[in-house]
Amino acid sequence: MLPVIFDEDILLKYAKEHKIQPFRVKQIFYELFKNQNIDWDSMTTLSKDMRKELSNKFDILNLTIDKVLEDEQTTKFSFKTLD
């Protein structure tokens, strides 16, 4: 399981190790929190190469379906999170 990109400490450490400029980190958080993007391809302020690199290193959302309950009119999902 990949680390979640919403952890600022992990992202800042990664950026420092990979010599990513600080304004790029701000762009990432802007896309996540201001634009509420949860899809790497929608983050058009980042280069395609950076989006690909980040998608290989980080998850945006880390949810898995735990349970599905269905009846005639509704479907309910129970999710598990990383924490």
N, C-alpha and C. Protein backbone atom coordinates (compact mmCIF):
# COMPACT_ATOMS: atom_id res chain seq x y z
N MET A 1 0.84 -1.17 0.00
CA MET A 1 0.00 0.00 0.00
C MET A 1 0.89 1.24 0.00
N LEU A 2 0.56 2.19 -0.84
CA LEU A 2 1.34 3.42 -0.96
C LEU A 2 0.94 4.42 0.12
N PRO A 3 1.86 5.30 0.51
CA PRO A 3 1.47 6.35 1.46
C PRO A 3 0.47 7.30 0.80
N VAL A 4 -0.31 7.95 1.63
CA VAL A 4 -1.33 8.87 1.15
C VAL A 4 -0.72 10.26 0.98
N ILE A 5 -1.01 10.91 -0.11
CA ILE A 5 -0.42 12.21 -0.44
C ILE A 5 -0.85 13.31 0.52
N PHE A 6 -1.93 13.12 1.26
CA PHE A 6 -2.42 14.15 2.18
C PHE A 6 -1.52 14.33 3.40
N ASP A 7 -0.56 13.45 3.60
CA ASP A 7 0.38 13.59 4.71
C ASP A 7 1.48 14.57 4.30
N GLU A 8 1.39 15.78 4.79
CA GLU A 8 2.29 16.85 4.36
C GLU A 8 3.75 16.52 4.69
N ASP A 9 4.00 15.93 5.85
CA ASP A 9 5.38 15.60 6.23
C ASP A 9 6.01 14.62 5.25
N ILE A 10 5.25 13.61 4.84
CA ILE A 10 5.77 12.62 3.90
C ILE A 10 6.03 13.27 2.54
N LEU A 11 5.11 14.11 2.09
CA LEU A 11 5.28 14.77 0.80
C LEU A 11 6.47 15.72 0.83
N LEU A 12 6.63 16.49 1.90
CA LEU A 12 7.76 17.41 2.00
C LEU A 12 9.08 16.67 2.03
N LYS A 13 9.12 15.56 2.73
CA LYS A 13 10.34 14.74 2.77
C LYS A 13 10.65 14.20 1.37
N TYR A 14 9.65 13.70 0.70
CA TYR A 14 9.82 13.17 -0.66
C TYR A 14 10.31 14.28 -1.59
N ALA A 15 9.72 15.46 -1.48
CA ALA A 15 10.10 16.59 -2.34
C ALA A 15 11.56 16.97 -2.11
N LYS A 16 11.98 16.98 -0.87
CA LYS A 16 13.37 17.32 -0.56
C LYS A 16 14.33 16.27 -1.11
N GLU A 17 13.99 15.00 -0.93
CA GLU A 17 14.85 13.91 -1.41
C GLU A 17 14.96 13.89 -2.93
N HIS A 18 13.90 14.31 -3.62
CA HIS A 18 13.88 14.26 -5.08
C HIS A 18 14.05 15.64 -5.72
N LYS A 19 14.48 16.60 -4.90
CA LYS A 19 14.77 17.96 -5.38
C LYS A 19 13.60 18.58 -6.15
N ILE A 20 12.41 18.38 -5.60
CA ILE A 20 11.21 19.01 -6.17
C ILE A 20 11.09 20.40 -5.56
N GLN A 21 10.92 21.39 -6.39
CA GLN A 21 10.88 22.77 -5.93
C GLN A 21 9.68 23.01 -5.01
N PRO A 22 9.86 23.86 -3.98
CA PRO A 22 8.78 24.11 -3.01
C PRO A 22 7.47 24.57 -3.65
N PHE A 23 7.54 25.36 -4.72
CA PHE A 23 6.29 25.82 -5.33
C PHE A 23 5.51 24.65 -5.92
N ARG A 24 6.18 23.57 -6.30
CA ARG A 24 5.48 22.39 -6.81
C ARG A 24 4.66 21.73 -5.70
N VAL A 25 5.23 21.69 -4.50
CA VAL A 25 4.50 21.12 -3.36
C VAL A 25 3.24 21.96 -3.11
N LYS A 26 3.37 23.28 -3.20
CA LYS A 26 2.20 24.15 -3.04
C LYS A 26 1.16 23.87 -4.12
N GLN A 27 1.63 23.64 -5.34
CA GLN A 27 0.70 23.31 -6.43
C GLN A 27 -0.06 22.02 -6.13
N ILE A 28 0.64 21.03 -5.61
CA ILE A 28 0.01 19.74 -5.29
C ILE A 28 -1.08 19.95 -4.25
N PHE A 29 -0.75 20.67 -3.16
CA PHE A 29 -1.75 20.90 -2.12
C PHE A 29 -2.89 21.79 -2.61
N TYR A 30 -2.60 22.72 -3.48
CA TYR A 30 -3.66 23.54 -4.07
C TYR A 30 -4.64 22.66 -4.84
N GLU A 31 -4.10 21.74 -5.63
CA GLU A 31 -4.95 20.82 -6.40
C GLU A 31 -5.78 19.94 -5.48
N LEU A 32 -5.19 19.47 -4.41
CA LEU A 32 -5.89 18.57 -3.49
C LEU A 32 -6.96 19.29 -2.68
N PHE A 33 -6.60 20.43 -2.10
CA PHE A 33 -7.50 21.06 -1.14
C PHE A 33 -8.37 22.17 -1.74
N LYS A 34 -7.83 22.99 -2.60
CA LYS A 34 -8.61 24.08 -3.19
C LYS A 34 -9.47 23.56 -4.35
N ASN A 35 -8.84 22.83 -5.25
CA ASN A 35 -9.58 22.30 -6.41
C ASN A 35 -10.26 20.97 -6.12
N GLN A 36 -9.94 20.38 -5.00
CA GLN A 36 -10.52 19.10 -4.56
C GLN A 36 -10.38 18.01 -5.61
N ASN A 37 -9.22 17.97 -6.24
CA ASN A 37 -8.94 16.92 -7.22
C ASN A 37 -8.54 15.63 -6.52
N ILE A 38 -9.14 14.55 -6.93
CA ILE A 38 -8.76 13.24 -6.39
C ILE A 38 -8.33 12.31 -7.52
N ASP A 39 -7.99 12.92 -8.63
CA ASP A 39 -7.53 12.18 -9.80
C ASP A 39 -6.26 12.85 -10.32
N TRP A 40 -5.19 12.08 -10.43
CA TRP A 40 -3.92 12.64 -10.88
C TRP A 40 -4.04 13.33 -12.23
N ASP A 41 -4.77 12.76 -13.15
CA ASP A 41 -4.88 13.31 -14.50
C ASP A 41 -5.59 14.66 -14.53
N SER A 42 -6.35 14.97 -13.50
CA SER A 42 -7.05 16.25 -13.43
C SER A 42 -6.15 17.38 -12.92
N MET A 43 -5.00 17.04 -12.42
CA MET A 43 -4.09 18.05 -11.85
C MET A 43 -3.22 18.65 -12.95
N THR A 44 -3.85 19.44 -13.79
CA THR A 44 -3.18 19.94 -14.99
C THR A 44 -2.14 21.02 -14.71
N THR A 45 -2.07 21.52 -13.49
CA THR A 45 -1.00 22.47 -13.16
C THR A 45 0.34 21.76 -12.98
N LEU A 46 0.29 20.44 -12.89
CA LEU A 46 1.51 19.63 -12.77
C LEU A 46 1.81 19.00 -14.12
N SER A 47 3.09 18.83 -14.40
CA SER A 47 3.47 18.19 -15.66
C SER A 47 3.00 16.74 -15.68
N LYS A 48 2.85 16.19 -16.86
CA LYS A 48 2.45 14.79 -16.98
C LYS A 48 3.47 13.87 -16.33
N ASP A 49 4.74 14.19 -16.48
CA ASP A 49 5.79 13.38 -15.86
C ASP A 49 5.69 13.39 -14.34
N MET A 50 5.43 14.58 -13.78
CA MET A 50 5.31 14.67 -12.33
C MET A 50 4.07 13.92 -11.84
N ARG A 51 2.97 14.05 -12.57
CA ARG A 51 1.74 13.33 -12.19
C ARG A 51 1.98 11.82 -12.20
N LYS A 52 2.69 11.36 -13.22
CA LYS A 52 2.98 9.92 -13.31
C LYS A 52 3.88 9.48 -12.16
N GLU A 53 4.91 10.27 -11.88
CA GLU A 53 5.83 9.95 -10.79
C GLU A 53 5.09 9.90 -9.45
N LEU A 54 4.27 10.91 -9.19
CA LEU A 54 3.53 10.96 -7.93
C LEU A 54 2.52 9.82 -7.83
N SER A 55 1.87 9.49 -8.93
CA SER A 55 0.88 8.40 -8.88
C SER A 55 1.52 7.05 -8.60
N ASN A 56 2.80 6.92 -8.95
CA ASN A 56 3.53 5.68 -8.65
C ASN A 56 4.03 5.62 -7.22
N LYS A 57 4.08 6.77 -6.56
CA LYS A 57 4.63 6.85 -5.20
C LYS A 57 3.58 7.08 -4.12
N PHE A 58 2.43 7.67 -4.50
CA PHE A 58 1.42 8.06 -3.51
C PHE A 58 0.02 7.69 -3.97
N ASP A 59 -0.83 7.39 -2.99
CA ASP A 59 -2.27 7.27 -3.22
C ASP A 59 -2.90 8.61 -2.87
N ILE A 60 -3.97 8.95 -3.56
CA ILE A 60 -4.72 10.14 -3.18
C ILE A 60 -5.74 9.76 -2.11
N LEU A 61 -6.53 8.78 -2.39
CA LEU A 61 -7.47 8.24 -1.41
C LEU A 61 -7.11 6.79 -1.17
N ASN A 62 -7.16 6.40 0.05
CA ASN A 62 -6.79 5.04 0.36
C ASN A 62 -7.97 4.33 1.02
N LEU A 63 -8.99 4.10 0.23
CA LEU A 63 -10.20 3.42 0.71
C LEU A 63 -10.35 2.09 0.00
N THR A 64 -10.80 1.12 0.76
CA THR A 64 -11.18 -0.16 0.15
C THR A 64 -12.59 -0.50 0.63
N ILE A 65 -13.34 -1.15 -0.22
CA ILE A 65 -14.70 -1.54 0.16
C ILE A 65 -14.63 -2.71 1.13
N ASP A 66 -15.26 -2.52 2.27
CA ASP A 66 -15.29 -3.55 3.30
C ASP A 66 -16.53 -4.42 3.17
N LYS A 67 -17.68 -3.76 2.97
CA LYS A 67 -18.95 -4.47 2.94
C LYS A 67 -19.92 -3.75 2.01
N VAL A 68 -20.77 -4.51 1.35
CA VAL A 68 -21.82 -3.93 0.51
C VAL A 68 -23.14 -4.54 0.94
N LEU A 69 -24.10 -3.67 1.26
CA LEU A 69 -25.44 -4.11 1.63
C LEU A 69 -26.42 -3.56 0.59
N GLU A 70 -27.21 -4.44 0.03
CA GLU A 70 -28.16 -4.01 -1.01
C GLU A 70 -29.56 -4.47 -0.66
N ASP A 71 -30.51 -3.62 -1.00
CA ASP A 71 -31.91 -4.04 -0.99
C ASP A 71 -32.53 -3.54 -2.29
N GLU A 72 -33.83 -3.50 -2.36
CA GLU A 72 -34.48 -3.16 -3.62
C GLU A 72 -34.20 -1.73 -4.09
N GLN A 73 -34.03 -0.81 -3.15
CA GLN A 73 -33.92 0.60 -3.54
C GLN A 73 -32.57 1.25 -3.22
N THR A 74 -31.77 0.63 -2.41
CA THR A 74 -30.52 1.28 -2.00
C THR A 74 -29.35 0.31 -2.00
N THR A 75 -28.20 0.89 -2.07
CA THR A 75 -26.96 0.15 -1.89
C THR A 75 -26.12 0.93 -0.90
N LYS A 76 -25.63 0.25 0.13
CA LYS A 76 -24.80 0.90 1.14
C LYS A 76 -23.42 0.25 1.12
N PHE A 77 -22.42 1.11 1.24
CA PHE A 77 -21.04 0.65 1.25
C PHE A 77 -20.40 0.98 2.58
N SER A 78 -19.61 0.06 3.05
CA SER A 78 -18.77 0.30 4.22
C SER A 78 -17.33 0.25 3.73
N PHE A 79 -16.57 1.30 4.05
CA PHE A 79 -15.20 1.40 3.57
C PHE A 79 -14.21 1.23 4.71
N LYS A 80 -13.04 0.73 4.38
CA LYS A 80 -11.91 0.69 5.31
C LYS A 80 -10.92 1.75 4.87
N THR A 81 -10.33 2.40 5.84
CA THR A 81 -9.29 3.38 5.54
C THR A 81 -7.94 2.83 5.99
N LEU A 82 -6.89 3.50 5.58
CA LEU A 82 -5.55 3.08 5.94
C LEU A 82 -5.34 3.10 7.45
N ASP A 83 -5.87 4.11 8.11
CA ASP A 83 -5.70 4.21 9.55
C ASP A 83 -6.86 3.57 10.25
